[in-house]
């Protein structure tokens, strides 16, 4: 990615952050509201986190050592 694109991304992120007084809590609430709106619209697909923790698999290296 060229420097122009990175500079543009940083500029936009600073602008959004400034709208919320650079307060992380306010930013999180803003993005949570956006997520709810986007989910309701049905226009975008979301992947929900798994409800269970994945089971730990044995390492092949560990099995080979046993």
N, C-alpha and C. Protein backbone atom coordinates (compact mmCIF):
# COMPACT_ATOMS: atom_id res chain seq x y z
N UNK A 1 0.86 -1.17 0.00
CA UNK A 1 0.00 0.00 0.00
C UNK A 1 0.90 1.23 0.00
N UNK A 2 0.58 2.16 -0.83
CA UNK A 2 1.39 3.37 -0.93
C UNK A 2 1.19 4.26 0.30
N UNK A 3 2.15 5.13 0.52
CA UNK A 3 2.06 6.04 1.67
C UNK A 3 0.79 6.89 1.62
N UNK A 4 0.35 7.24 0.41
CA UNK A 4 -0.86 8.05 0.30
C UNK A 4 -2.05 7.37 0.97
N UNK A 5 -2.23 6.06 0.69
CA UNK A 5 -3.36 5.34 1.27
C UNK A 5 -3.24 5.27 2.79
N UNK A 6 -2.05 4.99 3.28
CA UNK A 6 -1.86 4.93 4.73
C UNK A 6 -2.12 6.28 5.39
N UNK A 7 -1.63 7.33 4.77
CA UNK A 7 -1.87 8.68 5.29
C UNK A 7 -3.36 8.99 5.32
N UNK A 8 -4.07 8.58 4.28
CA UNK A 8 -5.51 8.82 4.20
C UNK A 8 -6.24 8.04 5.30
N UNK A 9 -5.87 6.80 5.52
CA UNK A 9 -6.48 5.99 6.58
C UNK A 9 -6.24 6.63 7.94
N UNK A 10 -5.02 7.05 8.19
CA UNK A 10 -4.69 7.70 9.47
C UNK A 10 -5.47 8.99 9.65
N UNK A 11 -5.61 9.76 8.59
CA UNK A 11 -6.34 11.02 8.65
C UNK A 11 -7.80 10.76 9.02
N UNK A 12 -8.40 9.78 8.38
CA UNK A 12 -9.81 9.45 8.65
C UNK A 12 -9.98 8.94 10.07
N UNK A 13 -9.06 8.08 10.53
CA UNK A 13 -9.15 7.56 11.90
C UNK A 13 -9.02 8.68 12.92
N UNK A 14 -8.12 9.64 12.68
CA UNK A 14 -7.98 10.77 13.61
C UNK A 14 -9.24 11.62 13.61
N UNK A 15 -9.85 11.79 12.45
CA UNK A 15 -11.07 12.59 12.34
C UNK A 15 -12.21 11.93 13.14
N UNK A 16 -12.36 10.62 12.98
CA UNK A 16 -13.40 9.89 13.72
C UNK A 16 -13.11 9.97 15.22
N UNK A 17 -11.87 9.75 15.61
CA UNK A 17 -11.49 9.81 17.02
C UNK A 17 -11.79 11.18 17.61
N UNK A 18 -11.50 12.23 16.87
CA UNK A 18 -11.74 13.59 17.35
C UNK A 18 -13.23 13.84 17.58
N UNK A 19 -14.08 13.24 16.75
CA UNK A 19 -15.53 13.41 16.92
C UNK A 19 -15.99 12.91 18.28
N UNK A 20 -15.24 11.98 18.86
CA UNK A 20 -15.61 11.40 20.15
C UNK A 20 -14.61 11.77 21.23
N UNK A 21 -13.98 12.93 21.06
CA UNK A 21 -13.04 13.48 22.04
C UNK A 21 -11.90 12.52 22.37
N UNK A 22 -11.54 11.68 21.44
CA UNK A 22 -10.45 10.70 21.60
C UNK A 22 -10.69 9.80 22.82
N UNK A 23 -11.96 9.57 23.11
CA UNK A 23 -12.37 8.73 24.25
C UNK A 23 -12.67 7.33 23.73
N UNK A 24 -11.88 6.35 24.16
CA UNK A 24 -12.03 4.98 23.67
C UNK A 24 -13.42 4.43 23.98
N UNK A 25 -13.93 4.72 25.16
CA UNK A 25 -15.26 4.24 25.53
C UNK A 25 -16.34 4.75 24.60
N UNK A 26 -16.27 6.03 24.26
CA UNK A 26 -17.25 6.61 23.32
C UNK A 26 -17.12 5.98 21.94
N UNK A 27 -15.87 5.73 21.52
CA UNK A 27 -15.65 5.10 20.21
C UNK A 27 -16.25 3.69 20.18
N UNK A 28 -16.06 2.93 21.25
CA UNK A 28 -16.59 1.57 21.31
C UNK A 28 -18.11 1.60 21.20
N UNK A 29 -18.74 2.49 21.95
CA UNK A 29 -20.20 2.60 21.90
C UNK A 29 -20.65 2.96 20.48
N UNK A 30 -19.95 3.89 19.85
CA UNK A 30 -20.27 4.30 18.48
C UNK A 30 -20.22 3.10 17.53
N UNK A 31 -19.15 2.31 17.62
CA UNK A 31 -19.01 1.17 16.72
C UNK A 31 -20.00 0.06 17.05
N UNK A 32 -20.39 -0.08 18.31
CA UNK A 32 -21.40 -1.07 18.67
C UNK A 32 -22.76 -0.69 18.09
N UNK A 33 -23.07 0.61 18.13
CA UNK A 33 -24.33 1.09 17.54
C UNK A 33 -24.32 0.85 16.03
N UNK A 34 -23.20 1.17 15.38
CA UNK A 34 -23.08 0.93 13.94
C UNK A 34 -23.27 -0.55 13.62
N UNK A 35 -22.66 -1.41 14.43
CA UNK A 35 -22.79 -2.85 14.18
C UNK A 35 -24.25 -3.28 14.25
N UNK A 36 -24.98 -2.82 15.27
CA UNK A 36 -26.39 -3.17 15.40
C UNK A 36 -27.18 -2.70 14.18
N UNK A 37 -26.90 -1.48 13.73
CA UNK A 37 -27.60 -0.94 12.56
C UNK A 37 -27.29 -1.76 11.31
N UNK A 38 -26.03 -2.10 11.12
CA UNK A 38 -25.63 -2.89 9.95
C UNK A 38 -26.23 -4.28 9.99
N UNK A 39 -26.29 -4.88 11.18
CA UNK A 39 -26.90 -6.21 11.30
C UNK A 39 -28.38 -6.15 10.94
N UNK A 40 -29.08 -5.12 11.43
CA UNK A 40 -30.51 -4.99 11.15
C UNK A 40 -30.78 -4.78 9.67
N UNK A 41 -29.88 -4.09 8.99
CA UNK A 41 -30.09 -3.79 7.57
C UNK A 41 -30.09 -5.05 6.72
N UNK A 42 -29.37 -6.09 7.15
CA UNK A 42 -29.28 -7.31 6.38
C UNK A 42 -28.37 -7.18 5.16
N UNK A 43 -27.77 -6.04 4.99
CA UNK A 43 -26.92 -5.80 3.83
C UNK A 43 -25.54 -6.44 3.99
N UNK A 44 -25.12 -6.64 5.22
CA UNK A 44 -23.79 -7.15 5.49
C UNK A 44 -23.88 -8.48 6.22
N UNK A 45 -22.87 -9.32 6.05
CA UNK A 45 -22.81 -10.60 6.75
C UNK A 45 -21.84 -10.47 7.92
N UNK A 46 -22.21 -11.04 9.03
CA UNK A 46 -21.38 -11.02 10.23
C UNK A 46 -21.11 -12.45 10.67
N UNK A 47 -19.94 -12.67 11.20
CA UNK A 47 -19.60 -13.97 11.77
C UNK A 47 -19.53 -13.79 13.27
N UNK A 48 -20.37 -14.51 13.98
CA UNK A 48 -20.39 -14.42 15.43
C UNK A 48 -19.27 -15.27 16.01
N UNK A 49 -18.71 -14.85 17.15
CA UNK A 49 -17.67 -15.66 17.77
C UNK A 49 -18.24 -17.01 18.21
N UNK A 50 -17.41 -18.04 18.26
CA UNK A 50 -17.91 -19.35 18.68
C UNK A 50 -18.41 -19.30 20.12
N UNK A 51 -19.41 -20.11 20.40
CA UNK A 51 -19.98 -20.12 21.75
C UNK A 51 -19.17 -21.01 22.69
N UNK A 52 -18.38 -21.93 22.12
CA UNK A 52 -17.54 -22.81 22.93
C UNK A 52 -16.08 -22.53 22.64
N UNK A 53 -15.25 -22.79 23.65
CA UNK A 53 -13.82 -22.68 23.43
C UNK A 53 -13.38 -23.88 22.60
N UNK A 54 -12.50 -23.67 21.64
CA UNK A 54 -12.01 -24.82 20.88
C UNK A 54 -11.18 -25.74 21.77
N UNK A 55 -11.31 -27.03 21.53
CA UNK A 55 -10.56 -27.99 22.33
C UNK A 55 -9.11 -27.96 21.89
N UNK A 56 -8.23 -28.03 22.86
CA UNK A 56 -6.80 -28.02 22.57
C UNK A 56 -6.42 -29.34 21.90
N UNK A 57 -5.70 -29.22 20.80
CA UNK A 57 -5.24 -30.42 20.10
C UNK A 57 -3.81 -30.73 20.52
N UNK A 58 -3.49 -32.00 20.54
CA UNK A 58 -2.12 -32.39 20.86
C UNK A 58 -1.21 -32.01 19.71
N UNK A 59 -0.07 -31.50 20.05
CA UNK A 59 0.93 -31.14 19.05
C UNK A 59 1.52 -32.40 18.44
N UNK A 60 1.71 -32.40 17.13
CA UNK A 60 2.33 -33.54 16.47
C UNK A 60 3.74 -33.77 16.97
N UNK A 61 4.44 -32.68 17.25
CA UNK A 61 5.80 -32.81 17.77
C UNK A 61 5.80 -33.48 19.13
N UNK A 62 4.84 -33.14 19.95
CA UNK A 62 4.75 -33.75 21.28
C UNK A 62 4.42 -35.22 21.18
N UNK A 63 3.53 -35.59 20.26
CA UNK A 63 3.15 -36.99 20.09
C UNK A 63 4.35 -37.79 19.59
N UNK A 64 5.14 -37.19 18.69
CA UNK A 64 6.30 -37.88 18.15
C UNK A 64 7.34 -38.12 19.23
N UNK A 65 7.42 -37.21 20.20
CA UNK A 65 8.40 -37.35 21.26
C UNK A 65 8.00 -38.42 22.27
N UNK A 66 6.68 -38.71 22.37
CA UNK A 66 6.18 -39.69 23.35
C UNK A 66 6.41 -41.10 22.93
